[in-house]
N, C-alpha and C. Protein backbone atom coordinates (compact mmCIF):
# COMPACT_ATOMS: atom_id res chain seq x y z
N MET A 1 81.78 110.12 112.67
CA MET A 1 81.64 110.45 111.68
C MET A 1 80.55 111.69 112.02
N SER A 2 80.94 112.69 111.21
CA SER A 2 80.41 114.54 110.99
C SER A 2 78.66 113.82 110.15
N ARG A 3 78.77 113.77 108.52
CA ARG A 3 77.78 113.10 108.19
C ARG A 3 77.82 112.07 107.76
N VAL A 4 76.31 111.80 106.58
CA VAL A 4 76.57 110.41 106.04
C VAL A 4 76.67 110.59 104.69
N PHE A 5 77.25 109.36 104.23
CA PHE A 5 78.02 108.60 103.28
C PHE A 5 77.31 108.84 101.63
N PRO A 6 77.21 109.40 100.94
CA PRO A 6 76.46 109.39 99.90
C PRO A 6 76.54 108.41 99.36
N ARG A 7 75.53 107.61 98.71
CA ARG A 7 75.42 106.32 98.16
C ARG A 7 76.13 105.88 96.57
N GLN A 8 76.43 107.06 96.81
CA GLN A 8 76.92 107.48 94.58
C GLN A 8 78.58 108.84 94.75
N ILE A 9 79.50 108.66 94.38
CA ILE A 9 79.88 109.58 93.48
C ILE A 9 80.94 109.53 92.77
N THR A 10 80.35 110.58 91.85
CA THR A 10 81.37 110.82 90.04
C THR A 10 82.49 111.60 90.28
N ASP A 11 82.73 111.68 89.50
CA ASP A 11 83.70 112.77 88.79
C ASP A 11 84.11 111.94 87.14
N ALA A 12 84.29 113.18 86.50
CA ALA A 12 84.28 113.19 85.07
C ALA A 12 84.69 111.79 84.64
N THR A 13 85.51 110.91 85.75
CA THR A 13 86.15 109.47 84.49
C THR A 13 85.38 108.38 85.59
N ILE A 14 85.20 108.64 87.06
CA ILE A 14 85.19 107.33 87.51
C ILE A 14 83.46 107.53 88.23
N ALA A 15 82.75 106.57 88.80
CA ALA A 15 81.59 106.35 89.36
C ALA A 15 82.19 105.42 90.49
N LEU A 16 82.04 105.82 91.69
CA LEU A 16 82.04 105.16 92.83
C LEU A 16 80.45 104.94 93.54
N ARG A 17 79.86 103.71 93.26
CA ARG A 17 78.66 103.43 92.86
C ARG A 17 78.17 102.30 94.08
N GLN A 18 76.83 101.75 94.16
CA GLN A 18 76.56 100.62 95.34
C GLN A 18 76.47 99.31 94.42
N TRP A 19 76.81 98.03 94.61
CA TRP A 19 77.52 97.03 94.01
C TRP A 19 75.86 96.97 93.47
N ARG A 20 76.11 95.75 92.25
CA ARG A 20 74.72 95.51 91.83
C ARG A 20 74.62 94.05 91.37
N PRO A 21 73.08 93.09 91.20
CA PRO A 21 73.57 91.89 90.84
C PRO A 21 74.43 91.35 90.05
N GLU A 22 74.75 92.46 88.10
CA GLU A 22 75.60 92.31 87.38
C GLU A 22 76.79 92.16 87.47
N ASP A 23 76.93 92.63 89.12
CA ASP A 23 78.94 92.89 89.19
C ASP A 23 79.30 91.37 89.77
N PHE A 24 78.14 90.16 90.24
CA PHE A 24 78.55 89.64 91.49
C PHE A 24 79.93 89.15 90.33
N ASP A 25 79.96 88.78 88.70
CA ASP A 25 80.73 88.16 88.01
C ASP A 25 82.33 88.37 87.84
N PHE A 26 81.97 89.95 87.66
CA PHE A 26 83.67 90.79 88.18
C PHE A 26 84.53 89.75 89.41
N TYR A 27 83.44 90.72 90.55
CA TYR A 27 83.87 90.33 91.66
C TYR A 27 84.57 89.06 91.93
N ALA A 28 83.05 87.73 91.79
CA ALA A 28 84.27 86.47 91.44
C ALA A 28 85.39 86.18 90.79
N ALA A 29 85.47 86.79 89.39
CA ALA A 29 86.31 86.34 88.98
C ALA A 29 87.89 87.31 89.72
N TYR A 30 87.53 88.56 90.18
CA TYR A 30 88.72 88.98 90.82
C TYR A 30 88.97 88.29 92.04
N VAL A 31 88.55 88.01 93.25
CA VAL A 31 88.24 87.31 94.36
C VAL A 31 89.13 85.84 94.50
N GLY A 32 88.66 84.95 92.54
CA GLY A 32 88.87 83.98 92.24
C GLY A 32 90.26 83.51 91.62
N SER A 33 90.65 84.77 91.65
CA SER A 33 92.31 84.74 90.68
C SER A 33 93.29 84.91 91.64
N GLU A 34 94.28 83.56 91.60
CA GLU A 34 95.42 83.28 92.22
C GLU A 34 96.34 84.99 92.48
N VAL A 35 96.37 86.08 91.74
CA VAL A 35 97.16 86.75 91.54
C VAL A 35 96.33 88.06 92.26
N ALA A 36 95.60 88.45 91.97
CA ALA A 36 94.78 89.29 92.79
C ALA A 36 94.18 88.95 94.02
N ALA A 37 93.86 87.89 93.99
CA ALA A 37 93.55 86.89 95.81
C ALA A 37 94.34 87.01 96.74
N ARG A 38 95.88 86.94 96.11
CA ARG A 38 97.42 86.79 96.76
C ARG A 38 97.17 87.61 98.62
N PHE A 39 96.68 89.02 97.76
CA PHE A 39 96.85 90.00 99.26
C PHE A 39 95.64 90.46 99.82
N TYR A 40 94.21 89.77 99.27
CA TYR A 40 93.23 90.08 99.64
C TYR A 40 92.19 88.95 100.33
N GLY A 41 93.07 88.53 101.13
CA GLY A 41 92.00 86.65 102.07
C GLY A 41 91.93 85.59 101.27
N GLY A 42 92.97 85.19 100.12
CA GLY A 42 93.29 84.13 99.90
C GLY A 42 91.87 83.87 98.55
N VAL A 43 92.18 82.97 97.81
CA VAL A 43 90.91 82.68 97.16
C VAL A 43 90.29 82.65 96.92
N MET A 44 88.70 82.84 96.50
CA MET A 44 87.93 82.92 96.95
C MET A 44 87.11 81.52 95.55
N ASP A 45 86.18 80.96 95.94
CA ASP A 45 85.69 80.00 94.95
C ASP A 45 83.85 81.18 94.98
N LYS A 46 83.23 80.43 94.15
CA LYS A 46 81.53 81.26 94.02
C LYS A 46 81.31 81.47 94.85
N GLN A 47 81.00 80.53 95.93
CA GLN A 47 80.20 80.28 96.82
C GLN A 47 80.32 81.36 97.60
N ARG A 48 82.09 81.15 98.31
CA ARG A 48 82.61 81.80 98.87
C ARG A 48 82.75 83.75 98.86
N ALA A 49 82.99 83.56 97.29
CA ALA A 49 82.76 85.79 96.90
C ALA A 49 81.58 86.28 96.87
N TRP A 50 80.09 84.77 97.13
CA TRP A 50 79.03 84.85 96.95
C TRP A 50 78.64 85.81 98.20
N ARG A 51 79.18 84.79 99.52
CA ARG A 51 78.78 85.26 100.51
C ARG A 51 79.76 86.98 101.28
N HIS A 52 81.03 86.61 100.53
CA HIS A 52 81.20 87.92 101.17
C HIS A 52 80.97 89.45 100.51
N LEU A 53 80.90 89.22 99.25
CA LEU A 53 80.09 90.25 98.72
C LEU A 53 78.78 90.90 99.11
N ALA A 54 78.51 89.78 99.55
CA ALA A 54 76.99 90.12 100.33
C ALA A 54 77.25 90.78 101.84
N SER A 55 78.26 90.49 102.26
CA SER A 55 78.69 90.85 103.27
C SER A 55 79.38 92.40 103.45
N VAL A 56 79.89 92.85 102.02
CA VAL A 56 80.67 93.57 101.48
C VAL A 56 79.21 94.98 101.93
N ILE A 57 78.15 94.59 100.71
CA ILE A 57 76.91 95.12 100.35
C ILE A 57 75.99 95.46 101.60
N GLY A 58 75.87 94.61 103.06
CA GLY A 58 75.51 94.43 103.79
C GLY A 58 75.81 95.61 105.02
N HIS A 59 77.22 96.37 104.96
CA HIS A 59 77.93 96.92 105.75
C HIS A 59 77.57 98.31 105.44
N TRP A 60 76.43 98.64 104.60
CA TRP A 60 76.47 99.71 103.90
C TRP A 60 74.98 99.47 105.30
N THR A 61 74.10 98.99 105.66
CA THR A 61 73.04 98.95 106.50
C THR A 61 73.25 99.11 108.10
N LEU A 62 74.90 97.80 108.05
CA LEU A 62 75.15 97.86 109.86
C LEU A 62 75.82 99.21 110.08
N ARG A 63 76.63 99.48 109.29
CA ARG A 63 77.85 101.01 109.61
C ARG A 63 77.36 101.94 108.67
N LYS A 64 76.54 102.42 108.68
CA LYS A 64 76.17 103.53 107.40
C LYS A 64 77.20 103.84 106.54
N PHE A 65 78.34 102.72 106.45
CA PHE A 65 79.41 103.37 105.31
C PHE A 65 79.56 102.33 104.57
N GLY A 66 80.69 102.22 103.74
CA GLY A 66 81.72 101.05 103.05
C GLY A 66 82.01 100.84 101.84
N VAL A 67 81.97 99.97 101.04
CA VAL A 67 82.95 99.99 99.70
C VAL A 67 82.15 99.90 98.64
N TYR A 68 81.99 100.96 97.99
CA TYR A 68 82.15 100.99 96.63
C TYR A 68 82.61 99.89 95.22
N ALA A 69 81.81 99.96 94.31
CA ALA A 69 82.26 99.41 92.73
C ALA A 69 82.58 100.51 93.16
N ALA A 70 84.07 100.71 91.78
CA ALA A 70 84.90 101.34 91.07
C ALA A 70 84.21 100.89 89.65
N ALA A 71 83.70 102.37 89.57
CA ALA A 71 83.58 101.94 87.39
C ALA A 71 84.33 103.10 87.15
N SER A 72 84.39 102.98 85.50
CA SER A 72 84.39 104.14 84.58
C SER A 72 83.40 104.63 83.87
N ARG A 73 83.07 106.01 84.14
CA ARG A 73 81.77 106.54 83.48
C ARG A 73 81.60 106.48 82.17
N VAL A 74 82.90 106.15 81.54
CA VAL A 74 82.34 106.00 79.42
C VAL A 74 82.45 104.06 79.64
N GLY A 75 80.94 103.77 79.67
CA GLY A 75 80.91 102.07 79.13
C GLY A 75 80.55 101.61 80.40
N GLY A 76 80.60 102.33 81.93
CA GLY A 76 80.65 101.56 82.72
C GLY A 76 81.51 100.46 83.10
N ASP A 77 82.85 100.33 82.80
CA ASP A 77 84.02 99.08 82.77
C ASP A 77 84.14 99.12 84.89
N LEU A 78 83.50 97.59 85.69
CA LEU A 78 84.09 97.56 86.68
C LEU A 78 85.64 98.00 86.69
N GLN A 79 86.59 98.58 87.40
CA GLN A 79 87.79 99.38 87.79
C GLN A 79 88.38 98.56 89.53
N GLY A 80 87.49 98.34 90.63
CA GLY A 80 87.96 97.24 91.33
C GLY A 80 87.04 97.99 92.40
N CYS A 81 87.80 98.60 93.99
CA CYS A 81 86.20 98.81 94.50
C CYS A 81 87.23 99.57 95.60
N VAL A 82 86.14 100.60 96.54
CA VAL A 82 87.50 101.40 97.22
C VAL A 82 85.78 102.34 98.28
N GLY A 83 86.40 102.47 99.63
CA GLY A 83 85.83 102.87 100.50
C GLY A 83 86.01 102.56 101.91
N LEU A 84 84.88 102.30 102.63
CA LEU A 84 85.73 102.15 104.45
C LEU A 84 85.10 101.25 104.84
N TRP A 85 85.45 100.44 105.69
CA TRP A 85 85.36 98.76 105.91
C TRP A 85 85.58 99.11 107.35
N GLN A 86 84.74 98.03 107.89
CA GLN A 86 84.92 98.36 109.62
C GLN A 86 84.32 96.77 109.98
N PRO A 87 84.53 95.72 109.30
CA PRO A 87 84.10 94.51 110.49
C PRO A 87 84.29 93.75 111.97
N HIS A 88 83.18 93.56 112.44
CA HIS A 88 83.39 93.35 114.17
C HIS A 88 84.64 92.63 114.55
N ASP A 89 84.99 93.39 115.44
CA ASP A 89 86.98 93.43 116.41
C ASP A 89 88.01 93.75 115.55
N TRP A 90 88.03 94.50 113.96
CA TRP A 90 88.65 94.50 113.22
C TRP A 90 88.84 96.22 114.33
N PRO A 91 90.30 96.32 113.39
CA PRO A 91 91.00 97.55 114.87
C PRO A 91 90.69 99.34 114.80
N CYS A 92 90.40 99.06 114.09
CA CYS A 92 89.40 100.82 113.37
C CYS A 92 89.15 100.41 112.19
N ARG A 93 88.65 101.50 111.15
CA ARG A 93 87.98 101.90 110.15
C ARG A 93 88.65 102.11 109.45
N GLU A 94 88.34 100.66 108.05
CA GLU A 94 89.86 101.47 107.39
C GLU A 94 89.40 101.73 106.08
N PHE A 95 90.31 102.36 105.18
CA PHE A 95 90.40 102.62 103.84
C PHE A 95 90.84 101.54 103.31
N VAL A 96 89.68 101.23 102.32
CA VAL A 96 89.88 100.15 101.37
C VAL A 96 90.08 100.18 99.91
N PHE A 97 90.73 99.47 99.80
CA PHE A 97 90.83 99.47 98.17
C PHE A 97 91.52 98.27 97.22
N TRP A 98 91.17 97.59 96.16
CA TRP A 98 91.75 96.62 95.42
C TRP A 98 91.10 97.30 93.84
N PHE A 99 92.13 96.79 92.93
CA PHE A 99 91.75 98.08 91.62
C PHE A 99 92.35 96.48 90.88
N THR A 100 91.76 96.71 89.39
CA THR A 100 92.84 95.66 87.92
C THR A 100 93.60 96.21 88.08
N ALA A 101 94.63 95.14 87.09
CA ALA A 101 95.52 95.64 86.85
C ALA A 101 95.40 96.94 85.68
N GLU A 102 94.48 96.67 84.95
CA GLU A 102 94.48 97.48 83.76
C GLU A 102 93.89 99.29 84.25
N ALA A 103 93.41 99.06 85.43
CA ALA A 103 92.90 99.91 86.59
C ALA A 103 94.29 101.37 86.93
N TYR A 104 95.01 100.24 87.62
CA TYR A 104 96.37 101.01 87.73
C TYR A 104 97.20 101.16 86.34
N ALA A 105 96.69 100.81 85.57
CA ALA A 105 97.89 101.04 84.08
C ALA A 105 97.43 102.36 83.84
N SER A 106 96.28 101.99 83.45
CA SER A 106 95.62 103.17 83.16
C SER A 106 95.13 104.53 84.02
N GLY A 107 95.45 104.26 85.22
CA GLY A 107 95.47 105.91 86.03
C GLY A 107 94.21 105.68 86.63
N ARG A 108 92.84 104.91 86.01
CA ARG A 108 92.47 105.23 86.79
C ARG A 108 91.34 103.93 88.41
N ALA A 109 92.95 103.97 88.53
CA ALA A 109 93.16 103.15 89.99
C ALA A 109 93.15 104.43 91.16
N LEU A 110 94.33 105.51 90.95
CA LEU A 110 94.58 106.37 91.58
C LEU A 110 93.06 107.71 91.68
N ALA A 111 92.83 108.10 90.39
CA ALA A 111 91.40 108.85 89.97
C ALA A 111 90.39 108.08 91.80
N ALA A 112 90.31 106.43 91.45
CA ALA A 112 89.02 106.18 91.96
C ALA A 112 89.59 106.53 93.47
N ALA A 113 90.89 105.81 93.60
CA ALA A 113 91.41 106.39 95.52
C ALA A 113 91.06 107.32 95.85
N ARG A 114 91.56 108.66 94.69
CA ARG A 114 91.35 110.37 95.68
C ARG A 114 90.01 110.31 95.36
N LEU A 115 89.21 109.98 94.83
CA LEU A 115 87.01 110.07 94.88
C LEU A 115 86.90 109.59 96.14
N GLY A 116 87.52 108.39 96.16
CA GLY A 116 87.58 107.58 97.81
C GLY A 116 87.41 108.12 99.04
N ILE A 117 88.88 109.06 99.33
CA ILE A 117 89.93 109.18 100.09
C ILE A 117 89.15 110.68 100.38
N ASP A 118 88.68 111.70 99.96
CA ASP A 118 88.30 112.91 99.45
C ASP A 118 86.95 112.37 100.12
N ALA A 119 85.52 111.84 100.14
CA ALA A 119 84.45 111.10 100.36
C ALA A 119 84.99 111.07 101.78
N VAL A 120 85.62 110.18 102.23
CA VAL A 120 86.01 110.17 103.89
C VAL A 120 86.09 111.15 104.41
N ARG A 121 87.02 112.05 103.97
CA ARG A 121 87.42 113.00 104.25
C ARG A 121 86.53 114.32 104.71
N ALA A 122 85.30 114.07 103.70
CA ALA A 122 84.65 114.62 103.34
C ALA A 122 83.38 114.72 104.78
N VAL A 123 83.65 112.77 105.35
CA VAL A 123 82.01 112.73 106.01
C VAL A 123 82.55 112.87 106.87
N CYS A 124 83.81 112.29 107.32
CA CYS A 124 84.36 112.03 108.91
C CYS A 124 85.18 113.18 109.91
N ASN A 125 85.36 112.19 110.31
CA ASN A 125 86.24 114.12 111.59
C ASN A 125 86.90 114.29 111.04
N PRO A 126 87.52 115.77 110.92
CA PRO A 126 88.65 116.22 109.84
C PRO A 126 90.14 115.70 110.63
N HIS A 127 90.19 115.41 111.81
CA HIS A 127 91.24 115.39 112.55
C HIS A 127 91.00 113.48 112.77
N GLU A 128 90.51 112.63 112.61
CA GLU A 128 90.70 110.99 112.45
C GLU A 128 91.60 110.78 111.47
N ILE A 129 92.53 109.91 112.20
CA ILE A 129 92.92 109.24 111.23
C ILE A 129 92.55 108.47 110.65
N VAL A 130 93.29 108.32 109.16
CA VAL A 130 92.38 107.16 108.14
C VAL A 130 93.64 106.77 107.99
N THR A 131 93.40 105.08 108.32
CA THR A 131 94.02 104.20 107.72
C THR A 131 94.26 102.97 106.95
N THR A 132 94.83 102.39 106.85
CA THR A 132 95.14 101.55 105.98
C THR A 132 96.32 100.04 105.51
N PHE A 133 95.66 98.83 105.77
CA PHE A 133 96.89 98.61 106.43
C PHE A 133 96.63 97.46 104.68
N ILE A 134 97.91 97.11 104.55
CA ILE A 134 98.63 96.62 103.14
C ILE A 134 99.11 95.77 103.12
N HIS A 135 99.14 94.50 102.65
CA HIS A 135 100.14 93.28 102.51
C HIS A 135 101.37 94.15 102.25
N PRO A 136 102.97 93.46 102.60
CA PRO A 136 104.01 93.99 102.54
C PRO A 136 104.58 93.98 101.14
N GLU A 137 104.01 93.04 100.62
CA GLU A 137 104.77 92.91 99.33
C GLU A 137 103.40 93.11 98.00
N ASN A 138 102.38 93.82 98.69
CA ASN A 138 101.22 94.59 97.35
C ASN A 138 102.45 96.25 97.11
N GLN A 139 103.43 95.91 96.83
CA GLN A 139 103.52 97.74 95.37
C GLN A 139 102.96 98.27 95.30
N GLN A 140 102.03 97.79 94.51
CA GLN A 140 100.74 98.90 93.23
C GLN A 140 100.29 99.00 95.22
N ALA A 141 99.76 98.21 95.69
CA ALA A 141 99.09 99.07 96.80
C ALA A 141 99.50 99.81 97.37
N LEU A 142 100.51 99.93 98.06
CA LEU A 142 101.22 100.58 98.19
C LEU A 142 102.01 101.88 97.71
N SER A 143 102.40 102.13 96.52
CA SER A 143 102.77 103.15 95.61
C SER A 143 100.84 103.74 95.83
N LEU A 144 100.18 103.18 95.61
CA LEU A 144 98.72 104.37 95.67
C LEU A 144 98.34 104.82 96.80
N ALA A 145 98.95 104.49 97.77
CA ALA A 145 98.83 104.96 99.13
C ALA A 145 99.23 106.02 99.45
N TYR A 146 100.51 105.80 98.66
CA TYR A 146 101.83 106.86 98.76
C TYR A 146 100.90 107.86 98.32
N SER A 147 100.59 107.99 97.25
CA SER A 147 100.24 108.69 96.04
C SER A 147 99.33 109.72 96.58
N LEU A 148 98.37 108.96 97.61
CA LEU A 148 97.77 109.44 98.40
C LEU A 148 98.03 110.21 99.67
N GLY A 149 99.45 110.40 100.19
CA GLY A 149 99.80 110.78 101.14
C GLY A 149 100.24 110.61 101.97
N GLY A 150 99.46 108.81 102.19
CA GLY A 150 99.76 108.16 103.02
C GLY A 150 101.20 108.31 103.31
N VAL A 151 101.44 107.33 104.68
CA VAL A 151 102.73 107.22 105.56
C VAL A 151 103.01 106.15 106.24
N ALA A 152 104.21 104.87 106.23
CA ALA A 152 103.69 103.80 106.51
C ALA A 152 104.49 104.04 108.25
N CYS A 153 103.13 103.39 108.69
CA CYS A 153 103.71 103.42 110.21
C CYS A 153 104.08 101.91 111.20
N GLY A 154 105.06 101.64 110.65
CA GLY A 154 105.17 100.16 110.72
C GLY A 154 104.18 98.98 110.62
N GLU A 155 104.23 98.28 110.84
CA GLU A 155 104.32 96.57 110.46
C GLU A 155 103.55 96.26 111.48
N GLU A 156 102.26 95.44 110.94
CA GLU A 156 101.55 94.69 112.46
C GLU A 156 100.53 93.82 111.64
N PRO A 157 100.20 92.98 112.62
CA PRO A 157 99.64 91.96 112.22
C PRO A 157 97.94 92.29 111.94
N LEU A 158 97.68 91.20 111.14
CA LEU A 158 96.24 91.59 111.27
C LEU A 158 95.40 90.36 111.29
N PHE A 159 95.12 90.08 112.26
CA PHE A 159 94.51 88.89 112.72
C PHE A 159 95.33 87.47 111.55
N ASP A 160 94.60 86.99 111.29
CA ASP A 160 95.61 85.65 110.29
C ASP A 160 95.52 86.26 108.80
N PHE A 161 95.56 87.13 108.33
CA PHE A 161 95.98 88.04 107.63
C PHE A 161 97.64 88.09 106.95
N GLY A 162 98.31 87.91 108.69
CA GLY A 162 99.92 88.09 108.53
C GLY A 162 100.26 89.65 108.38
N GLN A 163 101.05 89.62 108.83
CA GLN A 163 101.71 91.21 108.78
C GLN A 163 101.31 91.61 107.54
N HIS A 164 100.75 93.11 108.26
CA HIS A 164 100.44 94.32 107.65
C HIS A 164 100.89 95.45 107.65
N VAL A 165 101.96 96.58 106.07
CA VAL A 165 101.73 97.59 106.61
C VAL A 165 100.97 98.71 107.20
N ARG A 166 101.07 98.91 108.25
CA ARG A 166 99.82 100.46 109.12
C ARG A 166 100.15 102.02 107.68
N ILE A 167 99.22 102.50 107.13
CA ILE A 167 99.75 102.86 106.70
C ILE A 167 98.48 103.89 107.00
N GLU A 168 98.51 105.89 107.10
CA GLU A 168 97.86 106.53 107.93
C GLU A 168 98.28 107.45 107.39
N TYR A 169 97.03 108.64 106.74
CA TYR A 169 96.64 109.75 106.20
C TYR A 169 96.59 110.52 106.79
N ALA A 170 97.38 111.41 106.98
CA ALA A 170 97.33 112.82 107.49
C ALA A 170 96.23 113.75 107.84
N ASP A 171 95.76 113.70 108.75
CA ASP A 171 94.05 114.64 108.83
C ASP A 171 94.23 115.57 107.97
N SER A 172 92.51 115.90 107.75
CA SER A 172 92.56 116.96 106.46
C SER A 172 92.41 118.27 106.08
N SER A 173 91.88 118.67 107.40
CA SER A 173 92.59 120.03 107.41
C SER A 173 94.77 120.62 107.89
N SER A 174 95.13 119.36 107.86
CA SER A 174 96.58 119.70 107.80
C SER A 174 96.99 119.78 106.94
N ASN A 175 97.10 118.42 105.91
CA ASN A 175 97.37 117.50 104.55
C ASN A 175 96.25 117.31 103.60
N PRO A 176 95.43 118.74 102.88
CA PRO A 176 94.43 118.24 102.18
C PRO A 176 95.48 118.12 100.92
N ILE A 177 94.55 116.83 100.43
CA ILE A 177 94.53 115.89 99.26
C ILE A 177 94.20 117.48 98.02
N PRO A 178 95.45 116.99 96.72
CA PRO A 178 94.67 118.71 95.82
C PRO A 178 93.63 117.76 94.90
């Protein structure tokens, strides 16, 4: 990476910000939901959700990049999350995101993901391939990735999470996001 990731990024509708203690109930509800957690490692009880959120927050210290909480600028309602993720032994830095059904329906998911990938491209080497792994049945996430200019590059196993579609985004010097 050539520069440091900002701790917060905003535009007219979305704030990508650091996680706060009051965000835990939202996070636990999302990862505790059978429908939402289906594609994100399974349902987590509150204890596991706490430890997972703590790892998401600690990732910023260990890697100097991480996953932002995505909030609406009006009202501050959380919409989901977006950012870079690379736990130990992960195959590469991954551009990750998940959003509520309401965020997808309102277009805020696309706005937040666009803001996130723009930040990745601004900070990382412009020729680095940005990658996302998405479960092949997660049509909302696949559609969002394609809307960001992502291209499916086949399926591959992702540890014990099963087969995932590898999405790659062209480097920013040859295919900038409008």
